[in-house]
C-alpha atoms as a PDB file:
ATOM      1  CA  MET A   1      44.115  67.375 109.306  1.00  0.00           C
ATOM      2  CA  GLN A   2      45.689  68.210 105.899  1.00  0.00           C
ATOM      3  CA  LYS A   3      43.399  69.176 102.773  1.00  0.00           C
ATOM      4  CA  TRP A   4      43.806  68.629  99.106  1.00  0.00           C
ATOM      5  CA  SER A   5      41.745  69.170  96.051  1.00  0.00           C
ATOM      6  CA  GLN A   6      41.404  66.734  93.478  1.00  0.00           C
ATOM      7  CA  ARG A   7      38.970  65.973  90.568  1.00  0.00           C
ATOM      8  CA  SER A   8      37.393  62.579  91.158  1.00  0.00           C
ATOM      9  CA  SER A   9      38.047  60.094  88.085  1.00  0.00           C
ATOM     10  CA  PRO A  10      38.736  56.280  87.877  1.00  0.00           C
ATOM     11  CA  LYS A  11      42.351  57.205  87.058  1.00  0.00           C
ATOM     12  CA  ASN A  12      42.766  58.638  90.525  1.00  0.00           C
ATOM     13  CA  LYS A  13      41.287  56.136  92.460  1.00  0.00           C
ATOM     14  CA  SER A  14      44.802  55.142  93.615  1.00  0.00           C
ATOM     15  CA  ILE A  15      45.660  58.450  94.558  1.00  0.00           C
ATOM     16  CA  GLU A  16      42.434  58.999  96.528  1.00  0.00           C
ATOM     17  CA  GLU A  17      43.036  55.429  98.328  1.00  0.00           C
ATOM     18  CA  PHE A  18      46.728  56.624  99.066  1.00  0.00           C
ATOM     19  CA  LEU A  19      45.420  60.225 100.556  1.00  0.00           C
ATOM     20  CA  ALA A  20      42.824  58.407 102.664  1.00  0.00           C
ATOM     21  CA  THR A  21      45.364  56.142 104.250  1.00  0.00           C
ATOM     22  CA  LYS A  22      47.355  59.582 105.085  1.00  0.00           C
ATOM     23  CA  GLN A  23      44.187  61.054 106.486  1.00  0.00           C
ATOM     24  CA  ILE A  24      44.126  63.938 103.835  1.00  0.00           C
ATOM     25  CA  THR A  25      40.596  65.283 103.126  1.00  0.00           C
ATOM     26  CA  VAL A  26      39.891  65.275  99.572  1.00  0.00           C
ATOM     27  CA  LEU A  27      37.947  68.494  98.729  1.00  0.00           C
ATOM     28  CA  GLU A  28      35.569  68.585  95.846  1.00  0.00           C
ATOM     29  CA  HIS A  29      35.416  71.630  93.370  1.00  0.00           C
ATOM     30  CA  PRO A  30      33.414  72.726  90.564  1.00  0.00           C
ATOM     31  CA  ALA A  31      34.757  72.502  86.957  1.00  0.00           C
ATOM     32  CA  TYR A  32      37.263  74.829  85.637  1.00  0.00           C
ATOM     33  CA  SER A  33      36.189  78.404  85.712  1.00  0.00           C
ATOM     34  CA  PRO A  34      38.206  81.722  84.785  1.00  0.00           C
ATOM     35  CA  ASP A  35      36.366  83.332  87.796  1.00  0.00           C
ATOM     36  CA  GLN A  36      38.284  80.983  90.049  1.00  0.00           C
ATOM     37  CA  ALA A  37      41.676  81.002  88.298  1.00  0.00           C
ATOM     38  CA  PRO A  38      42.842  84.443  87.518  1.00  0.00           C
ATOM     39  CA  SER A  39      46.409  82.901  86.704  1.00  0.00           C
ATOM     40  CA  ASP A  40      44.795  80.905  83.754  1.00  0.00           C
ATOM     41  CA  PHE A  41      43.001  83.794  82.021  1.00  0.00           C
ATOM     42  CA  PHE A  42      45.500  86.610  82.746  1.00  0.00           C
ATOM     43  CA  LEU A  43      48.860  85.550  84.236  1.00  0.00           C
ATOM     44  CA  PHE A  44      49.877  82.572  82.218  1.00  0.00           C
ATOM     45  CA  PRO A  45      48.836  84.098  78.676  1.00  0.00           C
ATOM     46  CA  LYS A  46      50.924  87.405  79.675  1.00  0.00           C
ATOM     47  CA  ILE A  47      53.884  85.227  80.376  1.00  0.00           C
ATOM     48  CA  LYS A  48      53.421  83.243  77.420  1.00  0.00           C
ATOM     49  CA  GLU A  49      53.169  86.542  75.446  1.00  0.00           C
ATOM     50  CA  ILE A  50      56.494  87.623  76.777  1.00  0.00           C
ATOM     51  CA  LEU A  51      58.386  84.258  76.542  1.00  0.00           C
ATOM     52  CA  LYS A  52      57.027  82.980  73.168  1.00  0.00           C
ATOM     53  CA  GLU A  53      59.630  81.840  70.543  1.00  0.00           C
ATOM     54  CA  ARG A  54      62.200  82.010  73.035  1.00  0.00           C
ATOM     55  CA  HIS A  55      64.527  78.842  73.738  1.00  0.00           C
ATOM     56  CA  PHE A  56      66.127  78.441  77.180  1.00  0.00           C
ATOM     57  CA  ASP A  57      69.533  76.175  77.832  1.00  0.00           C
ATOM     58  CA  ASP A  58      68.596  74.848  81.288  1.00  0.00           C
ATOM     59  CA  ILE A  59      66.176  75.263  84.306  1.00  0.00           C
ATOM     60  CA  ASP A  60      67.899  78.256  85.586  1.00  0.00           C
ATOM     61  CA  ASP A  61      67.567  80.100  82.257  1.00  0.00           C
ATOM     62  CA  ILE A  62      63.742  79.085  82.240  1.00  0.00           C
ATOM     63  CA  ARG A  63      63.490  80.350  86.163  1.00  0.00           C
ATOM     64  CA  SER A  64      65.114  83.630  85.442  1.00  0.00           C
ATOM     65  CA  ASN A  65      63.593  84.691  82.213  1.00  0.00           C
ATOM     66  CA  THR A  66      60.125  83.581  83.936  1.00  0.00           C
ATOM     67  CA  THR A  67      60.844  85.802  86.860  1.00  0.00           C
ATOM     68  CA  ALA A  68      61.620  88.566  84.611  1.00  0.00           C
ATOM     69  CA  ALA A  69      58.544  88.053  82.523  1.00  0.00           C
ATOM     70  CA  LEU A  70      56.494  88.300  85.625  1.00  0.00           C
ATOM     71  CA  ASN A  71      58.287  91.526  87.072  1.00  0.00           C
ATOM     72  CA  ALA A  72      57.611  93.099  83.358  1.00  0.00           C
ATOM     73  CA  ILE A  73      53.865  93.001  84.186  1.00  0.00           C
ATOM     74  CA  PRO A  74      52.785  96.083  85.613  1.00  0.00           C
ATOM     75  CA  GLN A  75      51.642  95.873  89.131  1.00  0.00           C
ATOM     76  CA  ASN A  76      48.577  97.852  88.439  1.00  0.00           C
ATOM     77  CA  GLN A  77      47.257  95.249  85.906  1.00  0.00           C
ATOM     78  CA  LEU A  78      47.887  92.415  88.289  1.00  0.00           C
ATOM     79  CA  GLN A  79      46.038  94.173  91.108  1.00  0.00           C
ATOM     80  CA  SER A  80      43.101  95.186  88.564  1.00  0.00           C
ATOM     81  CA  CYS A  81      42.963  91.563  87.652  1.00  0.00           C
ATOM     82  CA  PHE A  82      42.815  90.087  91.435  1.00  0.00           C
ATOM     83  CA  GLU A  83      40.514  92.978  92.436  1.00  0.00           C
ATOM     84  CA  GLY A  84      38.110  92.010  89.580  1.00  0.00           C
ATOM     85  CA  TRP A  85      38.301  88.158  90.426  1.00  0.00           C
ATOM     86  CA  ALA A  86      37.449  89.067  94.087  1.00  0.00           C
ATOM     87  CA  ARG A  87      34.189  90.879  93.074  1.00  0.00           C
ATOM     88  CA  ARG A  88      32.907  88.157  91.328  1.00  0.00           C
END
């Protein structure tokens, strides 16, 4: 059986019904917490800082520049972020 996480709300009723017909279990999760999403408080701001005020020609340009931005983040910073998250 597949599992999928989605916050329950009236807007998502049709989604929940669809998932039920496909026998996909909907998992509840707590409200947003930086402890649970290192990408939100570490990774995305780093990428945003590197890419800010830049304009891109097409999706391939976005992809290559985002990849370069990810590669520009020192590995030890990424490691420290995720090690800190794992200790929480």
